[in-house]
Amino acid sequence: MTTAAKAVKAAGMKSLAEVSEITGIGRETLRVWNRDRPRLFGIILSGCIAEKEKRENSAHNNLEKANESN
């Protein structure tokens, strides 16, 4: 079994801390879920990836709007 940190990075996230920040779930809880509830952990990672993409797209769109205003 892979560690939570390795699973997070393999999924394209920066760190377990980033997943914790997005979800509000403590890193130790995430580690336990990776070990004991891998399906749930995978679903959480999928949601974090979607949230990260949403945030990045929003930031990109805001930058484009600001550039159009100039």
C-alpha atoms as a PDB file:
ATOM      1  CA  MET A   1       0.000   0.000   0.000  1.00  0.00           C
ATOM      2  CA  THR A   2       1.227   3.459  -0.847  1.00  0.00           C
ATOM      3  CA  THR A   3       1.415   6.260   1.693  1.00  0.00           C
ATOM      4  CA  ALA A   4      -1.169   9.038   1.703  1.00  0.00           C
ATOM      5  CA  ALA A   5       1.481  11.575   0.679  1.00  0.00           C
ATOM      6  CA  LYS A   6       2.566   9.476  -2.302  1.00  0.00           C
ATOM      7  CA  ALA A   7      -1.045   8.888  -3.352  1.00  0.00           C
ATOM      8  CA  VAL A   8      -1.742  12.626  -3.191  1.00  0.00           C
ATOM      9  CA  LYS A   9       1.270  13.475  -5.341  1.00  0.00           C
ATOM     10  CA  ALA A  10       0.476  10.691  -7.816  1.00  0.00           C
ATOM     11  CA  ALA A  11      -3.003  12.200  -8.163  1.00  0.00           C
ATOM     12  CA  GLY A  12      -1.497  15.568  -9.092  1.00  0.00           C
ATOM     13  CA  MET A  13      -1.860  17.442  -5.840  1.00  0.00           C
ATOM     14  CA  LYS A  14       1.083  19.259  -4.241  1.00  0.00           C
ATOM     15  CA  SER A  15       0.943  17.701  -0.791  1.00  0.00           C
ATOM     16  CA  LEU A  16      -1.192  16.152   1.890  1.00  0.00           C
ATOM     17  CA  ALA A  17      -1.282  19.602   3.471  1.00  0.00           C
ATOM     18  CA  GLU A  18      -2.994  20.941   0.333  1.00  0.00           C
ATOM     19  CA  VAL A  19      -5.648  18.220   0.560  1.00  0.00           C
ATOM     20  CA  SER A  20      -6.092  19.057   4.239  1.00  0.00           C
ATOM     21  CA  GLU A  21      -6.515  22.751   3.412  1.00  0.00           C
ATOM     22  CA  ILE A  22      -9.119  22.077   0.735  1.00  0.00           C
ATOM     23  CA  THR A  23     -11.132  19.579   2.781  1.00  0.00           C
ATOM     24  CA  GLY A  24     -10.672  20.874   6.305  1.00  0.00           C
ATOM     25  CA  ILE A  25      -9.717  17.330   7.331  1.00  0.00           C
ATOM     26  CA  GLY A  26      -6.587  16.869   9.409  1.00  0.00           C
ATOM     27  CA  ARG A  27      -3.554  15.224   7.847  1.00  0.00           C
ATOM     28  CA  GLU A  28      -3.502  12.386  10.372  1.00  0.00           C
ATOM     29  CA  THR A  29      -7.150  11.595   9.631  1.00  0.00           C
ATOM     30  CA  LEU A  30      -6.351  11.563   5.920  1.00  0.00           C
ATOM     31  CA  ARG A  31      -3.463   9.173   6.571  1.00  0.00           C
ATOM     32  CA  VAL A  32      -5.725   6.831   8.540  1.00  0.00           C
ATOM     33  CA  TRP A  33      -8.403   6.943   5.835  1.00  0.00           C
ATOM     34  CA  ASN A  34      -5.814   6.145   3.185  1.00  0.00           C
ATOM     35  CA  ARG A  35      -4.836   3.096   5.196  1.00  0.00           C
ATOM     36  CA  ASP A  36      -8.269   1.968   6.428  1.00  0.00           C
ATOM     37  CA  ARG A  37     -10.704   3.399   3.881  1.00  0.00           C
ATOM     38  CA  PRO A  38      -8.815   3.648   0.583  1.00  0.00           C
ATOM     39  CA  ARG A  39     -11.972   3.991  -1.524  1.00  0.00           C
ATOM     40  CA  LEU A  40     -13.121   6.978   0.520  1.00  0.00           C
ATOM     41  CA  PHE A  41      -9.634   8.468   0.336  1.00  0.00           C
ATOM     42  CA  GLY A  42      -9.681   8.123  -3.452  1.00  0.00           C
ATOM     43  CA  ILE A  43     -13.040   9.881  -3.642  1.00  0.00           C
ATOM     44  CA  ILE A  44     -11.681  12.688  -1.474  1.00  0.00           C
ATOM     45  CA  LEU A  45      -8.690  13.042  -3.796  1.00  0.00           C
ATOM     46  CA  SER A  46     -10.985  13.192  -6.824  1.00  0.00           C
ATOM     47  CA  GLY A  47     -12.977  15.958  -5.187  1.00  0.00           C
ATOM     48  CA  CYS A  48      -9.818  17.871  -4.307  1.00  0.00           C
ATOM     49  CA  ILE A  49      -8.574  17.666  -7.881  1.00  0.00           C
ATOM     50  CA  ALA A  50     -11.910  18.996  -9.131  1.00  0.00           C
ATOM     51  CA  GLU A  51     -11.851  21.803  -6.560  1.00  0.00           C
ATOM     52  CA  LYS A  52      -8.267  22.720  -7.436  1.00  0.00           C
ATOM     53  CA  GLU A  53      -9.146  22.883 -11.158  1.00  0.00           C
ATOM     54  CA  LYS A  54     -12.195  25.006 -10.355  1.00  0.00           C
ATOM     55  CA  ARG A  55     -10.063  27.431  -8.329  1.00  0.00           C
ATOM     56  CA  GLU A  56      -7.392  27.620 -11.038  1.00  0.00           C
ATOM     57  CA  ASN A  57      -9.992  28.225 -13.755  1.00  0.00           C
ATOM     58  CA  SER A  58     -11.630  30.937 -11.668  1.00  0.00           C
ATOM     59  CA  ALA A  59      -8.290  32.656 -11.095  1.00  0.00           C
ATOM     60  CA  HIS A  60      -7.475  32.419 -14.806  1.00  0.00           C
ATOM     61  CA  ASN A  61     -10.860  33.866 -15.758  1.00  0.00           C
ATOM     62  CA  ASN A  62     -10.441  36.722 -13.291  1.00  0.00           C
ATOM     63  CA  LEU A  63      -7.021  37.517 -14.762  1.00  0.00           C
ATOM     64  CA  GLU A  64      -8.466  37.545 -18.303  1.00  0.00           C
ATOM     65  CA  LYS A  65     -11.252  39.899 -17.220  1.00  0.00           C
ATOM     66  CA  ALA A  66      -8.729  42.219 -15.581  1.00  0.00           C
ATOM     67  CA  ASN A  67      -6.612  42.249 -18.740  1.00  0.00           C
ATOM     68  CA  GLU A  68      -9.675  43.023 -20.880  1.00  0.00           C
ATOM     69  CA  SER A  69     -10.467  46.018 -18.671  1.00  0.00           C
ATOM     70  CA  ASN A  70      -7.061  47.570 -19.336  1.00  0.00           C
END
